[in-house]
Amino acid sequence: LVGFAAETGDDAGSVLDHGRTKLERKGCDFLVVNDVSQGRAFDSPDNEAVILGSDGSVTDVPHGPKIALAHALWDVVVQRLDLA
């Protein structure tokens, strides 16, 4: 199960802190976390994200076209399912 989270950091924690909490709370295998502070992610052809895994894995996806993020997510899921 893959979830998606648009997050901002605050006094309670960083973007990744909030993402990890949400990953556990939602029971996802993966959570794609987008830092949406400063107007990032929405209404843009580009994005960057971090893919958190329930196994503790962290995959940084650098800024680039959203299709690159989709490919990175696919690769992470395929690797986790041992389909490669």
PDB file of N, CA and C in Angstrom:
ATOM      1  N   LEU A   1       0.848  -1.168   0.000  1.00  0.00           N
ATOM      2  CA  LEU A   1       0.000   0.000   0.000  1.00  0.00           C
ATOM      3  C   LEU A   1       0.896   1.235   0.000  1.00  0.00           C
ATOM      4  N   VAL A   2       0.662   2.137  -0.943  1.00  0.00           N
ATOM      5  CA  VAL A   2       1.447   3.362  -1.060  1.00  0.00           C
ATOM      6  C   VAL A   2       0.561   4.549  -0.717  1.00  0.00           C
ATOM      7  N   GLY A   3       1.017   5.366   0.205  1.00  0.00           N
ATOM      8  CA  GLY A   3       0.307   6.588   0.562  1.00  0.00           C
ATOM      9  C   GLY A   3       1.106   7.799   0.123  1.00  0.00           C
ATOM     10  N   PHE A   4       0.441   8.925   0.099  1.00  0.00           N
ATOM     11  CA  PHE A   4       1.068  10.181  -0.297  1.00  0.00           C
ATOM     12  C   PHE A   4       0.749  11.224   0.762  1.00  0.00           C
ATOM     13  N   ALA A   5       1.747  12.043   1.093  1.00  0.00           N
ATOM     14  CA  ALA A   5       1.549  13.051   2.126  1.00  0.00           C
ATOM     15  C   ALA A   5       2.207  14.360   1.718  1.00  0.00           C
ATOM     16  N   ALA A   6       1.427  15.407   1.712  1.00  0.00           N
ATOM     17  CA  ALA A   6       1.934  16.764   1.525  1.00  0.00           C
ATOM     18  C   ALA A   6       2.181  17.316   2.922  1.00  0.00           C
ATOM     19  N   GLU A   7       3.433  17.579   3.245  1.00  0.00           N
ATOM     20  CA  GLU A   7       3.798  17.946   4.614  1.00  0.00           C
ATOM     21  C   GLU A   7       4.578  19.254   4.666  1.00  0.00           C
ATOM     22  N   THR A   8       4.520  19.882   5.818  1.00  0.00           N
ATOM     23  CA  THR A   8       5.377  21.019   6.145  1.00  0.00           C
ATOM     24  C   THR A   8       5.970  20.761   7.519  1.00  0.00           C
ATOM     25  N   GLY A   9       7.143  21.282   7.755  1.00  0.00           N
ATOM     26  CA  GLY A   9       7.745  21.177   9.072  1.00  0.00           C
ATOM     27  C   GLY A   9       7.202  22.262   9.988  1.00  0.00           C
ATOM     28  N   ASP A  10       7.277  22.014  11.285  1.00  0.00           N
ATOM     29  CA  ASP A  10       6.834  22.994  12.271  1.00  0.00           C
ATOM     30  C   ASP A  10       7.575  22.743  13.581  1.00  0.00           C
ATOM     31  N   ASP A  11       7.139  23.401  14.639  1.00  0.00           N
ATOM     32  CA  ASP A  11       7.798  23.244  15.937  1.00  0.00           C
ATOM     33  C   ASP A  11       7.702  21.819  16.472  1.00  0.00           C
ATOM     34  N   ALA A  12       6.706  21.064  16.014  1.00  0.00           N
ATOM     35  CA  ALA A  12       6.512  19.696  16.490  1.00  0.00           C
ATOM     36  C   ALA A  12       7.404  18.694  15.767  1.00  0.00           C
ATOM     37  N   GLY A  13       7.976  19.087  14.622  1.00  0.00           N
ATOM     38  CA  GLY A  13       8.844  18.159  13.909  1.00  0.00           C
ATOM     39  C   GLY A  13       9.095  18.573  12.477  1.00  0.00           C
ATOM     40  N   SER A  14      10.015  17.870  11.861  1.00  0.00           N
ATOM     41  CA  SER A  14      10.368  18.138  10.468  1.00  0.00           C
ATOM     42  C   SER A  14       9.363  17.476   9.526  1.00  0.00           C
ATOM     43  N   VAL A  15       9.514  17.764   8.260  1.00  0.00           N
ATOM     44  CA  VAL A  15       8.685  17.130   7.236  1.00  0.00           C
ATOM     45  C   VAL A  15       8.796  15.608   7.352  1.00  0.00           C
ATOM     46  N   LEU A  16      10.014  15.103   7.502  1.00  0.00           N
ATOM     47  CA  LEU A  16      10.199  13.651   7.604  1.00  0.00           C
ATOM     48  C   LEU A  16       9.662  13.091   8.914  1.00  0.00           C
ATOM     49  N   ASP A  17       9.770  13.843  10.004  1.00  0.00           N
ATOM     50  CA  ASP A  17       9.175  13.398  11.272  1.00  0.00           C
ATOM     51  C   ASP A  17       7.676  13.187  11.101  1.00  0.00           C
ATOM     52  N   HIS A  18       7.013  14.167  10.497  1.00  0.00           N
ATOM     53  CA  HIS A  18       5.568  14.057  10.282  1.00  0.00           C
ATOM     54  C   HIS A  18       5.252  12.913   9.326  1.00  0.00           C
ATOM     55  N   GLY A  19       6.097  12.731   8.312  1.00  0.00           N
ATOM     56  CA  GLY A  19       5.901  11.638   7.368  1.00  0.00           C
ATOM     57  C   GLY A  19       6.011  10.277   8.036  1.00  0.00           C
ATOM     58  N   ARG A  20       7.013  10.102   8.879  1.00  0.00           N
ATOM     59  CA  ARG A  20       7.181   8.817   9.573  1.00  0.00           C
ATOM     60  C   ARG A  20       5.987   8.519  10.477  1.00  0.00           C
ATOM     61  N   THR A  21       5.503   9.537  11.164  1.00  0.00           N
ATOM     62  CA  THR A  21       4.325   9.361  12.022  1.00  0.00           C
ATOM     63  C   THR A  21       3.118   8.949  11.196  1.00  0.00           C
ATOM     64  N   LYS A  22       2.935   9.611  10.058  1.00  0.00           N
ATOM     65  CA  LYS A  22       1.796   9.296   9.195  1.00  0.00           C
ATOM     66  C   LYS A  22       1.928   7.896   8.597  1.00  0.00           C
ATOM     67  N   LEU A  23       3.135   7.491   8.221  1.00  0.00           N
ATOM     68  CA  LEU A  23       3.374   6.153   7.682  1.00  0.00           C
ATOM     69  C   LEU A  23       2.904   5.094   8.671  1.00  0.00           C
ATOM     70  N   GLU A  24       3.279   5.251   9.924  1.00  0.00           N
ATOM     71  CA  GLU A  24       2.867   4.298  10.958  1.00  0.00           C
ATOM     72  C   GLU A  24       1.367   4.353  11.204  1.00  0.00           C
ATOM     73  N   ARG A  25       0.823   5.556  11.306  1.00  0.00           N
ATOM     74  CA  ARG A  25      -0.598   5.722  11.611  1.00  0.00           C
ATOM     75  C   ARG A  25      -1.486   5.147  10.514  1.00  0.00           C
ATOM     76  N   LYS A  26      -1.088   5.336   9.267  1.00  0.00           N
ATOM     77  CA  LYS A  26      -1.902   4.877   8.137  1.00  0.00           C
ATOM     78  C   LYS A  26      -1.653   3.412   7.790  1.00  0.00           C
ATOM     79  N   GLY A  27      -0.566   2.834   8.277  1.00  0.00           N
ATOM     80  CA  GLY A  27      -0.274   1.434   8.003  1.00  0.00           C
ATOM     81  C   GLY A  27       0.148   1.164   6.570  1.00  0.00           C
ATOM     82  N   CYS A  28       0.788   2.136   5.946  1.00  0.00           N
ATOM     83  CA  CYS A  28       1.239   1.983   4.559  1.00  0.00           C
ATOM     84  C   CYS A  28       2.554   1.205   4.513  1.00  0.00           C
ATOM     85  N   ASP A  29       2.808   0.577   3.365  1.00  0.00           N
ATOM     86  CA  ASP A  29       4.115  -0.018   3.117  1.00  0.00           C
ATOM     87  C   ASP A  29       5.122   1.064   2.748  1.00  0.00           C
ATOM     88  N   PHE A  30       4.628   2.079   2.028  1.00  0.00           N
ATOM     89  CA  PHE A  30       5.438   3.219   1.612  1.00  0.00           C
ATOM     90  C   PHE A  30       4.621   4.486   1.757  1.00  0.00           C
ATOM     91  N   LEU A  31       5.315   5.578   2.020  1.00  0.00           N
ATOM     92  CA  LEU A  31       4.681   6.886   2.025  1.00  0.00           C
ATOM     93  C   LEU A  31       5.573   7.836   1.237  1.00  0.00           C
ATOM     94  N   VAL A  32       5.012   8.444   0.203  1.00  0.00           N
ATOM     95  CA  VAL A  32       5.723   9.437  -0.592  1.00  0.00           C
ATOM     96  C   VAL A  32       5.461  10.789   0.061  1.00  0.00           C
ATOM     97  N   VAL A  33       6.512  11.385   0.593  1.00  0.00           N
ATOM     98  CA  VAL A  33       6.387  12.625   1.353  1.00  0.00           C
ATOM     99  C   VAL A  33       6.887  13.789   0.508  1.00  0.00           C
ATOM    100  N   ASN A  34       6.011  14.763   0.315  1.00  0.00           N
ATOM    101  CA  ASN A  34       6.360  15.986  -0.403  1.00  0.00           C
ATOM    102  C   ASN A  34       6.416  17.134   0.588  1.00  0.00           C
ATOM    103  N   ASP A  35       7.489  17.899   0.532  1.00  0.00           N
ATOM    104  CA  ASP A  35       7.596  19.134   1.307  1.00  0.00           C
ATOM    105  C   ASP A  35       6.868  20.214   0.510  1.00  0.00           C
ATOM    106  N   VAL A  36       5.729  20.657   1.009  1.00  0.00           N
ATOM    107  CA  VAL A  36       4.914  21.630   0.269  1.00  0.00           C
ATOM    108  C   VAL A  36       5.080  23.054   0.797  1.00  0.00           C
ATOM    109  N   SER A  37       6.073  23.256   1.643  1.00  0.00           N
ATOM    110  CA  SER A  37       6.336  24.625   2.079  1.00  0.00           C
ATOM    111  C   SER A  37       6.829  25.435   0.890  1.00  0.00           C
ATOM    112  N   GLN A  38       6.615  26.701   0.933  1.00  0.00           N
ATOM    113  CA  GLN A  38       7.053  27.619  -0.115  1.00  0.00           C
ATOM    114  C   GLN A  38       6.449  27.275  -1.478  1.00  0.00           C
ATOM    115  N   GLY A  39       5.228  26.748  -1.476  1.00  0.00           N
ATOM    116  CA  GLY A  39       4.511  26.507  -2.724  1.00  0.00           C
ATOM    117  C   GLY A  39       5.069  25.399  -3.590  1.00  0.00           C
ATOM    118  N   ARG A  40       5.825  24.497  -3.021  1.00  0.00           N
ATOM    119  CA  ARG A  40       6.390  23.394  -3.798  1.00  0.00           C
ATOM    120  C   ARG A  40       5.327  22.353  -4.120  1.00  0.00           C
ATOM    121  N   ALA A  41       5.528  21.628  -5.193  1.00  0.00           N
ATOM    122  CA  ALA A  41       4.773  20.430  -5.578  1.00  0.00           C
ATOM    123  C   ALA A  41       3.498  20.709  -6.355  1.00  0.00           C
ATOM    124  N   PHE A  42       2.691  21.641  -5.933  1.00  0.00           N
ATOM    125  CA  PHE A  42       1.404  21.854  -6.587  1.00  0.00           C
ATOM    126  C   PHE A  42       1.550  22.786  -7.780  1.00  0.00           C
ATOM    127  N   ASP A  43       0.762  22.522  -8.818  1.00  0.00           N
ATOM    128  CA  ASP A  43       0.755  23.360 -10.027  1.00  0.00           C
ATOM    129  C   ASP A  43       2.143  23.515 -10.630  1.00  0.00           C
ATOM    130  N   SER A  44       2.903  22.449 -10.625  1.00  0.00           N
ATOM    131  CA  SER A  44       4.245  22.462 -11.190  1.00  0.00           C
ATOM    132  C   SER A  44       4.491  21.142 -11.911  1.00  0.00           C
ATOM    133  N   PRO A  45       5.195  21.173 -13.043  1.00  0.00           N
ATOM    134  CA  PRO A  45       5.505  19.921 -13.736  1.00  0.00           C
ATOM    135  C   PRO A  45       6.621  19.133 -13.042  1.00  0.00           C
ATOM    136  N   ASP A  46       7.298  19.771 -12.087  1.00  0.00           N
ATOM    137  CA  ASP A  46       8.407  19.133 -11.379  1.00  0.00           C
ATOM    138  C   ASP A  46       8.050  18.899  -9.919  1.00  0.00           C
ATOM    139  N   ASN A  47       8.835  18.039  -9.291  1.00  0.00           N
ATOM    140  CA  ASN A  47       8.606  17.730  -7.894  1.00  0.00           C
ATOM    141  C   ASN A  47       9.872  17.109  -7.323  1.00  0.00           C
ATOM    142  N   GLU A  48       9.917  16.988  -6.028  1.00  0.00           N
ATOM    143  CA  GLU A  48      10.931  16.202  -5.339  1.00  0.00           C
ATOM    144  C   GLU A  48      10.245  15.598  -4.130  1.00  0.00           C
ATOM    145  N   ALA A  49      10.734  14.468  -3.681  1.00  0.00           N
ATOM    146  CA  ALA A  49      10.056  13.779  -2.591  1.00  0.00           C
ATOM    147  C   ALA A  49      11.031  12.849  -1.890  1.00  0.00           C
ATOM    148  N   VAL A  50      10.549  12.298  -0.798  1.00  0.00           N
ATOM    149  CA  VAL A  50      11.243  11.239  -0.090  1.00  0.00           C
ATOM    150  C   VAL A  50      10.253  10.093   0.032  1.00  0.00           C
ATOM    151  N   ILE A  51      10.707   8.893  -0.313  1.00  0.00           N
ATOM    152  CA  ILE A  51       9.864   7.709  -0.186  1.00  0.00           C
ATOM    153  C   ILE A  51      10.294   6.984   1.083  1.00  0.00           C
ATOM    154  N   LEU A  52       9.399   6.942   2.057  1.00  0.00           N
ATOM    155  CA  LEU A  52       9.656   6.255   3.318  1.00  0.00           C
ATOM    156  C   LEU A  52       9.056   4.863   3.252  1.00  0.00           C
ATOM    157  N   GLY A  53       9.799   3.867   3.708  1.00  0.00           N
ATOM    158  CA  GLY A  53       9.299   2.501   3.742  1.00  0.00           C
ATOM    159  C   GLY A  53       9.013   2.061   5.161  1.00  0.00           C
ATOM    160  N   SER A  54       8.039   1.190   5.313  1.00  0.00           N
ATOM    161  CA  SER A  54       7.711   0.683   6.645  1.00  0.00           C
ATOM    162  C   SER A  54       8.857  -0.146   7.222  1.00  0.00           C
ATOM    163  N   ASP A  55       9.793  -0.551   6.364  1.00  0.00           N
ATOM    164  CA  ASP A  55      10.975  -1.281   6.814  1.00  0.00           C
ATOM    165  C   ASP A  55      12.095  -0.351   7.272  1.00  0.00           C
ATOM    166  N   GLY A  56      11.818   0.960   7.289  1.00  0.00           N
ATOM    167  CA  GLY A  56      12.807   1.946   7.702  1.00  0.00           C
ATOM    168  C   GLY A  56      13.608   2.543   6.560  1.00  0.00           C
ATOM    169  N   SER A  57      13.353   2.078   5.339  1.00  0.00           N
ATOM    170  CA  SER A  57      14.093   2.602   4.191  1.00  0.00           C
ATOM    171  C   SER A  57      13.691   4.043   3.896  1.00  0.00           C
ATOM    172  N   VAL A  58      14.654   4.789   3.361  1.00  0.00           N
ATOM    173  CA  VAL A  58      14.448   6.180   2.974  1.00  0.00           C
ATOM    174  C   VAL A  58      15.074   6.354   1.597  1.00  0.00           C
ATOM    175  N   THR A  59      14.257   6.751   0.620  1.00  0.00           N
ATOM    176  CA  THR A  59      14.741   6.968  -0.739  1.00  0.00           C
ATOM    177  C   THR A  59      14.481   8.413  -1.117  1.00  0.00           C
ATOM    178  N   ASP A  60      15.554   9.172  -1.307  1.00  0.00           N
ATOM    179  CA  ASP A  60      15.424  10.560  -1.748  1.00  0.00           C
ATOM    180  C   ASP A  60      15.238  10.584  -3.254  1.00  0.00           C
ATOM    181  N   VAL A  61      14.249  11.333  -3.706  1.00  0.00           N
ATOM    182  CA  VAL A  61      14.030  11.532  -5.137  1.00  0.00           C
ATOM    183  C   VAL A  61      14.306  13.004  -5.407  1.00  0.00           C
ATOM    184  N   PRO A  62      15.400  13.303  -6.124  1.00  0.00           N
ATOM    185  CA  PRO A  62      15.778  14.700  -6.331  1.00  0.00           C
ATOM    186  C   PRO A  62      14.797  15.449  -7.215  1.00  0.00           C
ATOM    187  N   HIS A  63      14.892  16.763  -7.177  1.00  0.00           N
ATOM    188  CA  HIS A  63      14.023  17.626  -7.973  1.00  0.00           C
ATOM    189  C   HIS A  63      14.126  17.246  -9.442  1.00  0.00           C
ATOM    190  N   GLY A  64      12.969  17.088 -10.065  1.00  0.00           N
ATOM    191  CA  GLY A  64      12.928  16.743 -11.481  1.00  0.00           C
ATOM    192  C   GLY A  64      11.496  16.554 -11.930  1.00  0.00           C
ATOM    193  N   PRO A  65      11.305  16.086 -13.157  1.00  0.00           N
ATOM    194  CA  PRO A  65       9.954  15.877 -13.681  1.00  0.00           C
ATOM    195  C   PRO A  65       9.175  14.869 -12.822  1.00  0.00           C
ATOM    196  N   LYS A  66       7.883  15.075 -12.718  1.00  0.00           N
ATOM    197  CA  LYS A  66       7.054  14.178 -11.906  1.00  0.00           C
ATOM    198  C   LYS A  66       7.105  12.747 -12.419  1.00  0.00           C
ATOM    199  N   ILE A  67       7.327  12.560 -13.716  1.00  0.00           N
ATOM    200  CA  ILE A  67       7.431  11.204 -14.252  1.00  0.00           C
ATOM    201  C   ILE A  67       8.660  10.496 -13.669  1.00  0.00           C
ATOM    202  N   ALA A  68       9.714  11.245 -13.373  1.00  0.00           N
ATOM    203  CA  ALA A  68      10.903  10.653 -12.747  1.00  0.00           C
ATOM    204  C   ALA A  68      10.576  10.163 -11.339  1.00  0.00           C
ATOM    205  N   LEU A  69       9.750  10.908 -10.622  1.00  0.00           N
ATOM    206  CA  LEU A  69       9.296  10.477  -9.302  1.00  0.00           C
ATOM    207  C   LEU A  69       8.474   9.199  -9.422  1.00  0.00           C
ATOM    208  N   ALA A  70       7.610   9.134 -10.418  1.00  0.00           N
ATOM    209  CA  ALA A  70       6.795   7.933 -10.635  1.00  0.00           C
ATOM    210  C   ALA A  70       7.685   6.721 -10.906  1.00  0.00           C
ATOM    211  N   HIS A  71       8.706   6.892 -11.724  1.00  0.00           N
ATOM    212  CA  HIS A  71       9.626   5.791 -12.019  1.00  0.00           C
ATOM    213  C   HIS A  71      10.393   5.365 -10.770  1.00  0.00           C
ATOM    214  N   ALA A  72      10.836   6.323  -9.977  1.00  0.00           N
ATOM    215  CA  ALA A  72      11.559   5.999  -8.745  1.00  0.00           C
ATOM    216  C   ALA A  72      10.666   5.223  -7.785  1.00  0.00           C
ATOM    217  N   LEU A  73       9.416   5.643  -7.660  1.00  0.00           N
ATOM    218  CA  LEU A  73       8.470   4.937  -6.796  1.00  0.00           C
ATOM    219  C   LEU A  73       8.253   3.516  -7.296  1.00  0.00           C
ATOM    220  N   TRP A  74       8.076   3.372  -8.581  1.00  0.00           N
ATOM    221  CA  TRP A  74       7.888   2.040  -9.178  1.00  0.00           C
ATOM    222  C   TRP A  74       9.090   1.150  -8.844  1.00  0.00           C
ATOM    223  N   ASP A  75      10.294   1.680  -9.027  1.00  0.00           N
ATOM    224  CA  ASP A  75      11.503   0.901  -8.759  1.00  0.00           C
ATOM    225  C   ASP A  75      11.576   0.456  -7.301  1.00  0.00           C
ATOM    226  N   VAL A  76      11.213   1.337  -6.378  1.00  0.00           N
ATOM    227  CA  VAL A  76      11.241   1.002  -4.952  1.00  0.00           C
ATOM    228  C   VAL A  76      10.235  -0.107  -4.645  1.00  0.00           C
ATOM    229  N   VAL A  77       9.040  -0.006  -5.197  1.00  0.00           N
ATOM    230  CA  VAL A  77       8.004  -1.022  -4.952  1.00  0.00           C
ATOM    231  C   VAL A  77       8.426  -2.365  -5.544  1.00  0.00           C
ATOM    232  N   VAL A  78       8.926  -2.356  -6.772  1.00  0.00           N
ATOM    233  CA  VAL A  78       9.364  -3.601  -7.416  1.00  0.00           C
ATOM    234  C   VAL A  78      10.482  -4.254  -6.606  1.00  0.00           C
ATOM    235  N   GLN A  79      11.425  -3.452  -6.138  1.00  0.00           N
ATOM    236  CA  GLN A  79      12.520  -3.988  -5.331  1.00  0.00           C
ATOM    237  C   GLN A  79      11.991  -4.600  -4.039  1.00  0.00           C
ATOM    238  N   ARG A  80      11.066  -3.922  -3.395  1.00  0.00           N
ATOM    239  CA  ARG A  80      10.504  -4.422  -2.126  1.00  0.00           C
ATOM    240  C   ARG A  80       9.742  -5.724  -2.329  1.00  0.00           C
ATOM    241  N   LEU A  81       9.042  -5.826  -3.457  1.00  0.00           N
ATOM    242  CA  LEU A  81       8.286  -7.041  -3.747  1.00  0.00           C
ATOM    243  C   LEU A  81       9.161  -8.128  -4.355  1.00  0.00           C
ATOM    244  N   ASP A  82      10.441  -7.808  -4.554  1.00  0.00           N
ATOM    245  CA  ASP A  82      11.419  -8.734  -5.120  1.00  0.00           C
ATOM    246  C   ASP A  82      10.974  -9.242  -6.489  1.00  0.00           C
ATOM    247  N   LEU A  83      10.507  -8.308  -7.320  1.00  0.00           N
ATOM    248  CA  LEU A  83      10.046  -8.651  -8.663  1.00  0.00           C
ATOM    249  C   LEU A  83      11.107  -8.380  -9.724  1.00  0.00           C
ATOM    250  N   ALA A  84      12.216  -7.797  -9.325  1.00  0.00           N
ATOM    251  CA  ALA A  84      13.245  -7.424 -10.309  1.00  0.00           C
ATOM    252  C   ALA A  84      13.971  -8.638 -10.842  1.00  0.00           C
TER     253      ALA A  84
END
